[in-house]
PDB file of N, CA and C in Angstrom:
ATOM      1  N   MET A   1       6.930 113.488  34.612  1.00  0.00           N
ATOM      2  CA  MET A   1       5.506 113.230  34.732  1.00  0.00           C
ATOM      3  C   MET A   1       5.245 112.367  35.974  1.00  0.00           C
ATOM      4  N   THR A   2       4.019 112.440  36.427  1.00  0.00           N
ATOM      5  CA  THR A   2       3.667 111.694  37.632  1.00  0.00           C
ATOM      6  C   THR A   2       2.235 111.191  37.544  1.00  0.00           C
ATOM      7  N   HIS A   3       1.886 110.377  38.476  1.00  0.00           N
ATOM      8  CA  HIS A   3       0.519 109.918  38.637  1.00  0.00           C
ATOM      9  C   HIS A   3      -0.045 110.542  39.907  1.00  0.00           C
ATOM     10  N   VAL A   4      -1.370 110.572  39.980  1.00  0.00           N
ATOM     11  CA  VAL A   4      -2.074 111.239  41.068  1.00  0.00           C
ATOM     12  C   VAL A   4      -3.140 110.290  41.613  1.00  0.00           C
ATOM     13  N   VAL A   5      -3.230 110.206  42.928  1.00  0.00           N
ATOM     14  CA  VAL A   5      -4.315 109.473  43.574  1.00  0.00           C
ATOM     15  C   VAL A   5      -5.438 110.480  43.795  1.00  0.00           C
ATOM     16  N   ALA A   6      -6.659 110.126  43.364  1.00  0.00           N
ATOM     17  CA  ALA A   6      -7.788 111.055  43.431  1.00  0.00           C
ATOM     18  C   ALA A   6      -8.918 110.520  44.323  1.00  0.00           C
ATOM     19  N   GLU A   7     -10.024 111.188  44.280  1.00  0.00           N
ATOM     20  CA  GLU A   7     -11.208 110.976  45.141  1.00  0.00           C
ATOM     21  C   GLU A   7     -11.624 109.523  45.354  1.00  0.00           C
ATOM     22  N   PRO A   8     -11.612 108.659  44.337  1.00  0.00           N
ATOM     23  CA  PRO A   8     -12.097 107.294  44.594  1.00  0.00           C
ATOM     24  C   PRO A   8     -11.338 106.553  45.693  1.00  0.00           C
ATOM     25  N   CYS A   9     -10.127 106.983  46.005  1.00  0.00           N
ATOM     26  CA  CYS A   9      -9.354 106.343  47.074  1.00  0.00           C
ATOM     27  C   CYS A   9      -9.807 106.794  48.459  1.00  0.00           C
ATOM     28  N   PHE A  10     -10.433 107.940  48.542  1.00  0.00           N
ATOM     29  CA  PHE A  10     -10.797 108.518  49.831  1.00  0.00           C
ATOM     30  C   PHE A  10     -11.732 107.589  50.599  1.00  0.00           C
ATOM     31  N   ASN A  11     -11.356 107.272  51.813  1.00  0.00           N
ATOM     32  CA  ASN A  11     -12.074 106.363  52.708  1.00  0.00           C
ATOM     33  C   ASN A  11     -12.099 104.915  52.233  1.00  0.00           C
ATOM     34  N   CYS A  12     -11.262 104.582  51.261  1.00  0.00           N
ATOM     35  CA  CYS A  12     -11.092 103.193  50.823  1.00  0.00           C
ATOM     36  C   CYS A  12      -9.685 102.734  51.161  1.00  0.00           C
ATOM     37  N   LYS A  13      -8.739 103.477  50.638  1.00  0.00           N
ATOM     38  CA  LYS A  13      -7.314 103.279  50.882  1.00  0.00           C
ATOM     39  C   LYS A  13      -6.859 101.839  50.666  1.00  0.00           C
ATOM     40  N   TYR A  14      -7.152 101.318  49.479  1.00  0.00           N
ATOM     41  CA  TYR A  14      -6.579 100.036  49.094  1.00  0.00           C
ATOM     42  C   TYR A  14      -5.080 100.240  48.896  1.00  0.00           C
ATOM     43  N   THR A  15      -4.281  99.261  49.222  1.00  0.00           N
ATOM     44  CA  THR A  15      -2.835  99.408  49.102  1.00  0.00           C
ATOM     45  C   THR A  15      -2.227  98.442  48.087  1.00  0.00           C
ATOM     46  N   ASP A  16      -3.035  97.900  47.217  1.00  0.00           N
ATOM     47  CA  ASP A  16      -2.543  97.006  46.168  1.00  0.00           C
ATOM     48  C   ASP A  16      -1.489  97.719  45.316  1.00  0.00           C
ATOM     49  N   CYS A  17      -1.684  99.006  45.109  1.00  0.00           N
ATOM     50  CA  CYS A  17      -0.791  99.823  44.288  1.00  0.00           C
ATOM     51  C   CYS A  17       0.592  99.955  44.910  1.00  0.00           C
ATOM     52  N   VAL A  18       0.642  99.987  46.206  1.00  0.00           N
ATOM     53  CA  VAL A  18       1.883 100.232  46.939  1.00  0.00           C
ATOM     54  C   VAL A  18       2.904  99.128  46.686  1.00  0.00           C
ATOM     55  N   VAL A  19       2.456  97.891  46.690  1.00  0.00           N
ATOM     56  CA  VAL A  19       3.389  96.768  46.599  1.00  0.00           C
ATOM     57  C   VAL A  19       3.983  96.592  45.203  1.00  0.00           C
ATOM     58  N   VAL A  20       3.401  97.180  44.186  1.00  0.00           N
ATOM     59  CA  VAL A  20       3.957  97.062  42.830  1.00  0.00           C
ATOM     60  C   VAL A  20       4.822  98.258  42.443  1.00  0.00           C
ATOM     61  N   CYS A  21       4.866  99.273  43.279  1.00  0.00           N
ATOM     62  CA  CYS A  21       5.619 100.484  42.963  1.00  0.00           C
ATOM     63  C   CYS A  21       7.124 100.223  43.108  1.00  0.00           C
ATOM     64  N   PRO A  22       7.888 100.363  42.019  1.00  0.00           N
ATOM     65  CA  PRO A  22       9.320 100.074  42.095  1.00  0.00           C
ATOM     66  C   PRO A  22      10.150 101.152  42.788  1.00  0.00           C
ATOM     67  N   VAL A  23       9.571 102.324  43.016  1.00  0.00           N
ATOM     68  CA  VAL A  23      10.337 103.412  43.625  1.00  0.00           C
ATOM     69  C   VAL A  23       9.783 103.876  44.967  1.00  0.00           C
ATOM     70  N   GLU A  24       8.781 103.187  45.485  1.00  0.00           N
ATOM     71  CA  GLU A  24       8.214 103.480  46.811  1.00  0.00           C
ATOM     72  C   GLU A  24       7.817 104.948  46.956  1.00  0.00           C
ATOM     73  N   CYS A  25       6.970 105.417  46.044  1.00  0.00           N
ATOM     74  CA  CYS A  25       6.581 106.832  46.050  1.00  0.00           C
ATOM     75  C   CYS A  25       5.203 107.097  46.656  1.00  0.00           C
ATOM     76  N   PHE A  26       4.625 106.096  47.336  1.00  0.00           N
ATOM     77  CA  PHE A  26       3.320 106.277  47.968  1.00  0.00           C
ATOM     78  C   PHE A  26       3.482 106.709  49.419  1.00  0.00           C
ATOM     79  N   TYR A  27       2.551 107.557  49.852  1.00  0.00           N
ATOM     80  CA  TYR A  27       2.530 108.063  51.219  1.00  0.00           C
ATOM     81  C   TYR A  27       1.122 107.904  51.754  1.00  0.00           C
ATOM     82  N   GLU A  28       1.010 107.671  53.058  1.00  0.00           N
ATOM     83  CA  GLU A  28      -0.271 107.301  53.650  1.00  0.00           C
ATOM     84  C   GLU A  28      -0.798 108.342  54.624  1.00  0.00           C
ATOM     85  N   GLY A  29      -2.010 108.815  54.317  1.00  0.00           N
ATOM     86  CA  GLY A  29      -2.735 109.664  55.243  1.00  0.00           C
ATOM     87  C   GLY A  29      -3.793 108.847  55.953  1.00  0.00           C
ATOM     88  N   GLU A  30      -4.579 109.498  56.766  1.00  0.00           N
ATOM     89  CA  GLU A  30      -5.603 108.791  57.536  1.00  0.00           C
ATOM     90  C   GLU A  30      -6.663 108.140  56.647  1.00  0.00           C
ATOM     91  N   ALA A  31      -7.038 108.803  55.548  1.00  0.00           N
ATOM     92  CA  ALA A  31      -8.138 108.303  54.727  1.00  0.00           C
ATOM     93  C   ALA A  31      -7.799 108.125  53.251  1.00  0.00           C
ATOM     94  N   ILE A  32      -6.549 108.371  52.863  1.00  0.00           N
ATOM     95  CA  ILE A  32      -6.190 108.306  51.446  1.00  0.00           C
ATOM     96  C   ILE A  32      -4.680 108.109  51.301  1.00  0.00           C
ATOM     97  N   LEU A  33      -4.286 107.541  50.185  1.00  0.00           N
ATOM     98  CA  LEU A  33      -2.876 107.466  49.818  1.00  0.00           C
ATOM     99  C   LEU A  33      -2.593 108.591  48.843  1.00  0.00           C
ATOM    100  N   VAL A  34      -1.332 108.993  48.749  1.00  0.00           N
ATOM    101  CA  VAL A  34      -0.917 109.984  47.754  1.00  0.00           C
ATOM    102  C   VAL A  34       0.393 109.526  47.126  1.00  0.00           C
ATOM    103  N   ILE A  35       0.716 110.103  45.984  1.00  0.00           N
ATOM    104  CA  ILE A  35       1.954 109.801  45.270  1.00  0.00           C
ATOM    105  C   ILE A  35       2.832 111.042  45.277  1.00  0.00           C
ATOM    106  N   HIS A  36       4.104 110.863  45.608  1.00  0.00           N
ATOM    107  CA  HIS A  36       5.052 111.975  45.593  1.00  0.00           C
ATOM    108  C   HIS A  36       5.436 112.245  44.136  1.00  0.00           C
ATOM    109  N   PRO A  37       5.138 113.435  43.619  1.00  0.00           N
ATOM    110  CA  PRO A  37       5.375 113.708  42.206  1.00  0.00           C
ATOM    111  C   PRO A  37       6.842 113.707  41.792  1.00  0.00           C
ATOM    112  N   ASP A  38       7.747 113.987  42.724  1.00  0.00           N
ATOM    113  CA  ASP A  38       9.163 113.996  42.380  1.00  0.00           C
ATOM    114  C   ASP A  38       9.788 112.604  42.434  1.00  0.00           C
ATOM    115  N   GLU A  39       9.080 111.664  43.004  1.00  0.00           N
ATOM    116  CA  GLU A  39       9.598 110.301  43.118  1.00  0.00           C
ATOM    117  C   GLU A  39       8.988 109.349  42.093  1.00  0.00           C
ATOM    118  N   CYS A  40       7.789 109.638  41.642  1.00  0.00           N
ATOM    119  CA  CYS A  40       7.097 108.792  40.666  1.00  0.00           C
ATOM    120  C   CYS A  40       7.873 108.786  39.349  1.00  0.00           C
ATOM    121  N   ILE A  41       8.086 107.588  38.794  1.00  0.00           N
ATOM    122  CA  ILE A  41       8.813 107.475  37.532  1.00  0.00           C
ATOM    123  C   ILE A  41       7.877 107.221  36.355  1.00  0.00           C
ATOM    124  N   ASP A  42       6.577 107.365  36.583  1.00  0.00           N
ATOM    125  CA  ASP A  42       5.589 107.254  35.512  1.00  0.00           C
ATOM    126  C   ASP A  42       5.586 105.869  34.857  1.00  0.00           C
ATOM    127  N   CYS A  43       5.807 104.840  35.659  1.00  0.00           N
ATOM    128  CA  CYS A  43       5.866 103.482  35.107  1.00  0.00           C
ATOM    129  C   CYS A  43       4.477 102.882  34.886  1.00  0.00           C
ATOM    130  N   GLU A  44       3.474 103.433  35.540  1.00  0.00           N
ATOM    131  CA  GLU A  44       2.077 103.006  35.437  1.00  0.00           C
ATOM    132  C   GLU A  44       1.791 101.640  36.075  1.00  0.00           C
ATOM    133  N   ALA A  45       2.722 101.075  36.805  1.00  0.00           N
ATOM    134  CA  ALA A  45       2.496  99.769  37.429  1.00  0.00           C
ATOM    135  C   ALA A  45       1.331  99.808  38.408  1.00  0.00           C
ATOM    136  N   CYS A  46       1.133 100.939  39.060  1.00  0.00           N
ATOM    137  CA  CYS A  46       0.092 101.063  40.079  1.00  0.00           C
ATOM    138  C   CYS A  46      -1.320 101.184  39.500  1.00  0.00           C
ATOM    139  N   VAL A  47      -1.433 101.727  38.324  1.00  0.00           N
ATOM    140  CA  VAL A  47      -2.752 102.051  37.753  1.00  0.00           C
ATOM    141  C   VAL A  47      -3.679 100.837  37.671  1.00  0.00           C
ATOM    142  N   PRO A  48      -3.268  99.727  37.060  1.00  0.00           N
ATOM    143  CA  PRO A  48      -4.197  98.590  36.967  1.00  0.00           C
ATOM    144  C   PRO A  48      -4.439  97.874  38.290  1.00  0.00           C
ATOM    145  N   GLU A  49      -3.617  98.141  39.293  1.00  0.00           N
ATOM    146  CA  GLU A  49      -3.758  97.485  40.588  1.00  0.00           C
ATOM    147  C   GLU A  49      -4.824  98.114  41.471  1.00  0.00           C
ATOM    148  N   CYS A  50      -5.231  99.326  41.179  1.00  0.00           N
ATOM    149  CA  CYS A  50      -6.198 100.034  42.016  1.00  0.00           C
ATOM    150  C   CYS A  50      -7.611  99.523  41.751  1.00  0.00           C
ATOM    151  N   PRO A  51      -8.237  98.873  42.736  1.00  0.00           N
ATOM    152  CA  PRO A  51      -9.571  98.307  42.518  1.00  0.00           C
ATOM    153  C   PRO A  51     -10.679  99.351  42.364  1.00  0.00           C
ATOM    154  N   VAL A  52     -10.411 100.611  42.745  1.00  0.00           N
ATOM    155  CA  VAL A  52     -11.438 101.654  42.609  1.00  0.00           C
ATOM    156  C   VAL A  52     -11.069 102.686  41.537  1.00  0.00           C
ATOM    157  N   GLU A  53     -10.027 102.382  40.745  1.00  0.00           N
ATOM    158  CA  GLU A  53      -9.600 103.240  39.638  1.00  0.00           C
ATOM    159  C   GLU A  53      -9.384 104.685  40.084  1.00  0.00           C
ATOM    160  N   ALA A  54      -8.563 104.840  41.115  1.00  0.00           N
ATOM    161  CA  ALA A  54      -8.317 106.158  41.704  1.00  0.00           C
ATOM    162  C   ALA A  54      -7.019 106.806  41.241  1.00  0.00           C
ATOM    163  N   ILE A  55      -6.210 106.100  40.443  1.00  0.00           N
ATOM    164  CA  ILE A  55      -4.898 106.615  40.052  1.00  0.00           C
ATOM    165  C   ILE A  55      -4.924 107.042  38.589  1.00  0.00           C
ATOM    166  N   PHE A  56      -4.508 108.289  38.365  1.00  0.00           N
ATOM    167  CA  PHE A  56      -4.540 108.872  37.025  1.00  0.00           C
ATOM    168  C   PHE A  56      -3.199 109.505  36.689  1.00  0.00           C
ATOM    169  N   HIS A  57      -2.855 109.491  35.413  1.00  0.00           N
ATOM    170  CA  HIS A  57      -1.708 110.271  34.975  1.00  0.00           C
ATOM    171  C   HIS A  57      -2.074 111.727  35.209  1.00  0.00           C
ATOM    172  N   GLU A  58      -1.110 112.553  35.608  1.00  0.00           N
ATOM    173  CA  GLU A  58      -1.408 113.941  35.961  1.00  0.00           C
ATOM    174  C   GLU A  58      -2.102 114.710  34.835  1.00  0.00           C
ATOM    175  N   ASP A  59      -1.874 114.336  33.595  1.00  0.00           N
ATOM    176  CA  ASP A  59      -2.527 115.004  32.465  1.00  0.00           C
ATOM    177  C   ASP A  59      -3.951 114.520  32.233  1.00  0.00           C
ATOM    178  N   ASN A  60      -4.334 113.441  32.912  1.00  0.00           N
ATOM    179  CA  ASN A  60      -5.655 112.845  32.698  1.00  0.00           C
ATOM    180  C   ASN A  60      -6.539 112.801  33.946  1.00  0.00           C
ATOM    181  N   VAL A  61      -6.190 113.565  34.953  1.00  0.00           N
ATOM    182  CA  VAL A  61      -7.021 113.607  36.160  1.00  0.00           C
ATOM    183  C   VAL A  61      -8.361 114.241  35.774  1.00  0.00           C
ATOM    184  N   PRO A  62      -9.477 113.575  36.067  1.00  0.00           N
ATOM    185  CA  PRO A  62     -10.782 114.159  35.738  1.00  0.00           C
ATOM    186  C   PRO A  62     -10.932 115.558  36.339  1.00  0.00           C
ATOM    187  N   GLU A  63     -11.600 116.402  35.609  1.00  0.00           N
ATOM    188  CA  GLU A  63     -11.725 117.820  35.982  1.00  0.00           C
ATOM    189  C   GLU A  63     -12.203 118.023  37.416  1.00  0.00           C
ATOM    190  N   GLN A  64     -13.144 117.214  37.854  1.00  0.00           N
ATOM    191  CA  GLN A  64     -13.696 117.390  39.196  1.00  0.00           C
ATOM    192  C   GLN A  64     -12.695 117.027  40.292  1.00  0.00           C
ATOM    193  N   TRP A  65     -11.582 116.394  39.921  1.00  0.00           N
ATOM    194  CA  TRP A  65     -10.591 115.977  40.908  1.00  0.00           C
ATOM    195  C   TRP A  65      -9.219 116.621  40.702  1.00  0.00           C
ATOM    196  N   THR A  66      -9.122 117.669  39.936  1.00  0.00           N
ATOM    197  CA  THR A  66      -7.817 118.278  39.662  1.00  0.00           C
ATOM    198  C   THR A  66      -7.127 118.809  40.920  1.00  0.00           C
ATOM    199  N   ASP A  67      -7.877 119.144  41.944  1.00  0.00           N
ATOM    200  CA  ASP A  67      -7.275 119.610  43.199  1.00  0.00           C
ATOM    201  C   ASP A  67      -6.415 118.525  43.853  1.00  0.00           C
ATOM    202  N   TYR A  68      -6.650 117.280  43.496  1.00  0.00           N
ATOM    203  CA  TYR A  68      -5.876 116.183  44.076  1.00  0.00           C
ATOM    204  C   TYR A  68      -4.420 116.194  43.612  1.00  0.00           C
ATOM    205  N   THR A  69      -4.131 116.835  42.494  1.00  0.00           N
ATOM    206  CA  THR A  69      -2.739 116.926  42.038  1.00  0.00           C
ATOM    207  C   THR A  69      -1.915 117.695  43.062  1.00  0.00           C
ATOM    208  N   ALA A  70      -2.403 118.840  43.481  1.00  0.00           N
ATOM    209  CA  ALA A  70      -1.707 119.641  44.498  1.00  0.00           C
ATOM    210  C   ALA A  70      -1.728 118.936  45.853  1.00  0.00           C
ATOM    211  N   LEU A  71      -2.835 118.289  46.184  1.00  0.00           N
ATOM    212  CA  LEU A  71      -2.935 117.566  47.458  1.00  0.00           C
ATOM    213  C   LEU A  71      -1.876 116.472  47.530  1.00  0.00           C
ATOM    214  N   ASN A  72      -1.717 115.706  46.449  1.00  0.00           N
ATOM    215  CA  ASN A  72      -0.699 114.654  46.434  1.00  0.00           C
ATOM    216  C   ASN A  72       0.684 115.244  46.677  1.00  0.00           C
ATOM    217  N   ALA A  73       1.000 116.315  45.956  1.00  0.00           N
ATOM    218  CA  ALA A  73       2.328 116.937  46.082  1.00  0.00           C
ATOM    219  C   ALA A  73       2.573 117.453  47.496  1.00  0.00           C
ATOM    220  N   GLU A  74       1.581 118.088  48.068  1.00  0.00           N
ATOM    221  CA  GLU A  74       1.743 118.662  49.405  1.00  0.00           C
ATOM    222  C   GLU A  74       1.824 117.596  50.486  1.00  0.00           C
ATOM    223  N   MET A  75       0.889 116.671  50.474  1.00  0.00           N
ATOM    224  CA  MET A  75       0.813 115.706  51.565  1.00  0.00           C
ATOM    225  C   MET A  75       1.918 114.649  51.499  1.00  0.00           C
ATOM    226  N   ALA A  76       2.454 114.393  50.327  1.00  0.00           N
ATOM    227  CA  ALA A  76       3.543 113.416  50.213  1.00  0.00           C
ATOM    228  C   ALA A  76       4.786 113.877  50.971  1.00  0.00           C
ATOM    229  N   THR A  77       4.896 115.164  51.217  1.00  0.00           N
ATOM    230  CA  THR A  77       6.039 115.668  51.977  1.00  0.00           C
ATOM    231  C   THR A  77       5.769 115.677  53.482  1.00  0.00           C
ATOM    232  N   GLN A  78       4.527 115.395  53.873  1.00  0.00           N
ATOM    233  CA  GLN A  78       4.160 115.453  55.284  1.00  0.00           C
ATOM    234  C   GLN A  78       3.790 114.100  55.879  1.00  0.00           C
ATOM    235  N   TRP A  79       3.282 113.190  55.063  1.00  0.00           N
ATOM    236  CA  TRP A  79       2.831 111.892  55.552  1.00  0.00           C
ATOM    237  C   TRP A  79       3.943 110.852  55.447  1.00  0.00           C
ATOM    238  N   PRO A  80       3.836 109.768  56.217  1.00  0.00           N
ATOM    239  CA  PRO A  80       4.852 108.714  56.150  1.00  0.00           C
ATOM    240  C   PRO A  80       4.711 107.878  54.878  1.00  0.00           C
ATOM    241  N   GLY A  81       5.835 107.375  54.411  1.00  0.00           N
ATOM    242  CA  GLY A  81       5.821 106.488  53.255  1.00  0.00           C
ATOM    243  C   GLY A  81       5.177 105.164  53.610  1.00  0.00           C
ATOM    244  N   ILE A  82       4.660 104.494  52.600  1.00  0.00           N
ATOM    245  CA  ILE A  82       4.068 103.171  52.789  1.00  0.00           C
ATOM    246  C   ILE A  82       4.611 102.259  51.699  1.00  0.00           C
ATOM    247  N   THR A  83       5.096 101.088  52.101  1.00  0.00           N
ATOM    248  CA  THR A  83       5.691 100.161  51.146  1.00  0.00           C
ATOM    249  C   THR A  83       5.094  98.760  51.223  1.00  0.00           C
ATOM    250  N   GLU A  84       4.242  98.519  52.214  1.00  0.00           N
ATOM    251  CA  GLU A  84       3.662  97.192  52.381  1.00  0.00           C
ATOM    252  C   GLU A  84       2.148  97.255  52.313  1.00  0.00           C
ATOM    253  N   GLN A  85       1.555  96.187  51.840  1.00  0.00           N
ATOM    254  CA  GLN A  85       0.104  96.124  51.739  1.00  0.00           C
ATOM    255  C   GLN A  85      -0.510  96.016  53.126  1.00  0.00           C
ATOM    256  N   LYS A  86      -1.599  96.738  53.307  1.00  0.00           N
ATOM    257  CA  LYS A  86      -2.356  96.732  54.558  1.00  0.00           C
ATOM    258  C   LYS A  86      -3.815  96.434  54.244  1.00  0.00           C
ATOM    259  N   THR A  87      -4.573  96.141  55.271  1.00  0.00           N
ATOM    260  CA  THR A  87      -6.009  95.966  55.109  1.00  0.00           C
ATOM    261  C   THR A  87      -6.616  97.311  54.745  1.00  0.00           C
ATOM    262  N   SER A  88      -7.465  97.322  53.731  1.00  0.00           N
ATOM    263  CA  SER A  88      -8.066  98.578  53.287  1.00  0.00           C
ATOM    264  C   SER A  88      -9.147  99.039  54.253  1.00  0.00           C
ATOM    265  N   MET A  89      -9.476 100.319  54.175  1.00  0.00           N
ATOM    266  CA  MET A  89     -10.576 100.855  54.975  1.00  0.00           C
ATOM    267  C   MET A  89     -11.881 100.202  54.557  1.00  0.00           C
ATOM    268  N   ALA A  90     -11.995  99.870  53.290  1.00  0.00           N
ATOM    269  CA  ALA A  90     -13.205  99.214  52.792  1.00  0.00           C
ATOM    270  C   ALA A  90     -13.391  97.859  53.464  1.00  0.00           C
ATOM    271  N   GLU A  91     -12.285  97.146  53.682  1.00  0.00           N
ATOM    272  CA  GLU A  91     -12.364  95.831  54.318  1.00  0.00           C
ATOM    273  C   GLU A  91     -12.628  95.923  55.808  1.00  0.00           C
ATOM    274  N   THR A  92     -12.115  96.959  56.453  1.00  0.00           N
ATOM    275  CA  THR A  92     -12.302  97.072  57.897  1.00  0.00           C
ATOM    276  C   THR A  92     -13.575  97.801  58.286  1.00  0.00           C
ATOM    277  N   HIS A  93     -14.080  98.655  57.399  1.00  0.00           N
ATOM    278  CA  HIS A  93     -15.262  99.460  57.727  1.00  0.00           C
ATOM    279  C   HIS A  93     -16.455  99.213  56.799  1.00  0.00           C
ATOM    280  N   GLY A  94     -16.393  98.170  56.011  1.00  0.00           N
ATOM    281  CA  GLY A  94     -17.479  97.888  55.080  1.00  0.00           C
ATOM    282  C   GLY A  94     -17.210  98.488  53.709  1.00  0.00           C
ATOM    283  N   GLN A  95     -18.197  98.512  52.902  1.00  0.00           N
ATOM    284  CA  GLN A  95     -18.087  98.977  51.514  1.00  0.00           C
ATOM    285  C   GLN A  95     -17.580 100.402  51.436  1.00  0.00           C
ATOM    286  N   CYS A  96     -16.551 100.643  50.665  1.00  0.00           N
ATOM    287  CA  CYS A  96     -16.077 102.016  50.488  1.00  0.00           C
ATOM    288  C   CYS A  96     -17.002 102.736  49.505  1.00  0.00           C
ATOM    289  N   PRO A  97     -17.128 104.041  49.640  1.00  0.00           N
ATOM    290  CA  PRO A  97     -18.061 104.777  48.796  1.00  0.00           C
ATOM    291  C   PRO A  97     -17.733 104.702  47.309  1.00  0.00           C
ATOM    292  N   SER A  98     -16.463 104.448  46.969  1.00  0.00           N
ATOM    293  CA  SER A  98     -16.049 104.461  45.566  1.00  0.00           C
ATOM    294  C   SER A  98     -16.163 103.123  44.882  1.00  0.00           C
ATOM    295  N   ALA A  99     -16.196 102.048  45.634  1.00  0.00           N
ATOM    296  CA  ALA A  99     -16.248 100.715  45.024  1.00  0.00           C
ATOM    297  C   ALA A  99     -17.655 100.429  44.525  1.00  0.00           C
ATOM    298  N   SER A 100     -17.700  99.716  43.431  1.00  0.00           N
ATOM    299  CA  SER A 100     -19.037  99.378  42.906  1.00  0.00           C
ATOM    300  C   SER A 100     -19.300  97.903  43.001  1.00  0.00           C
TER     301      SER A 100
END
């Protein structure tokens, strides 16, 4: 089983989740993070760390965001890994669309 980063992360890209991941399964794109499904150990450490609630267990991804499951799997093989916290897009560009 794996977790999936979905729409609320888009253009926010908080990295709080990255630093708690024990297996370093996060990958960074220009506007979103993704989780490599073959590396995720389903520990759920990242879920409560996401300030925009963008991380879901693959069985619980909201219907409107199910395409993100395939996106995570595909892009995790193409984007560089990320293991350290960075300034979020929300902090550098103002309020992210997903934060309330």
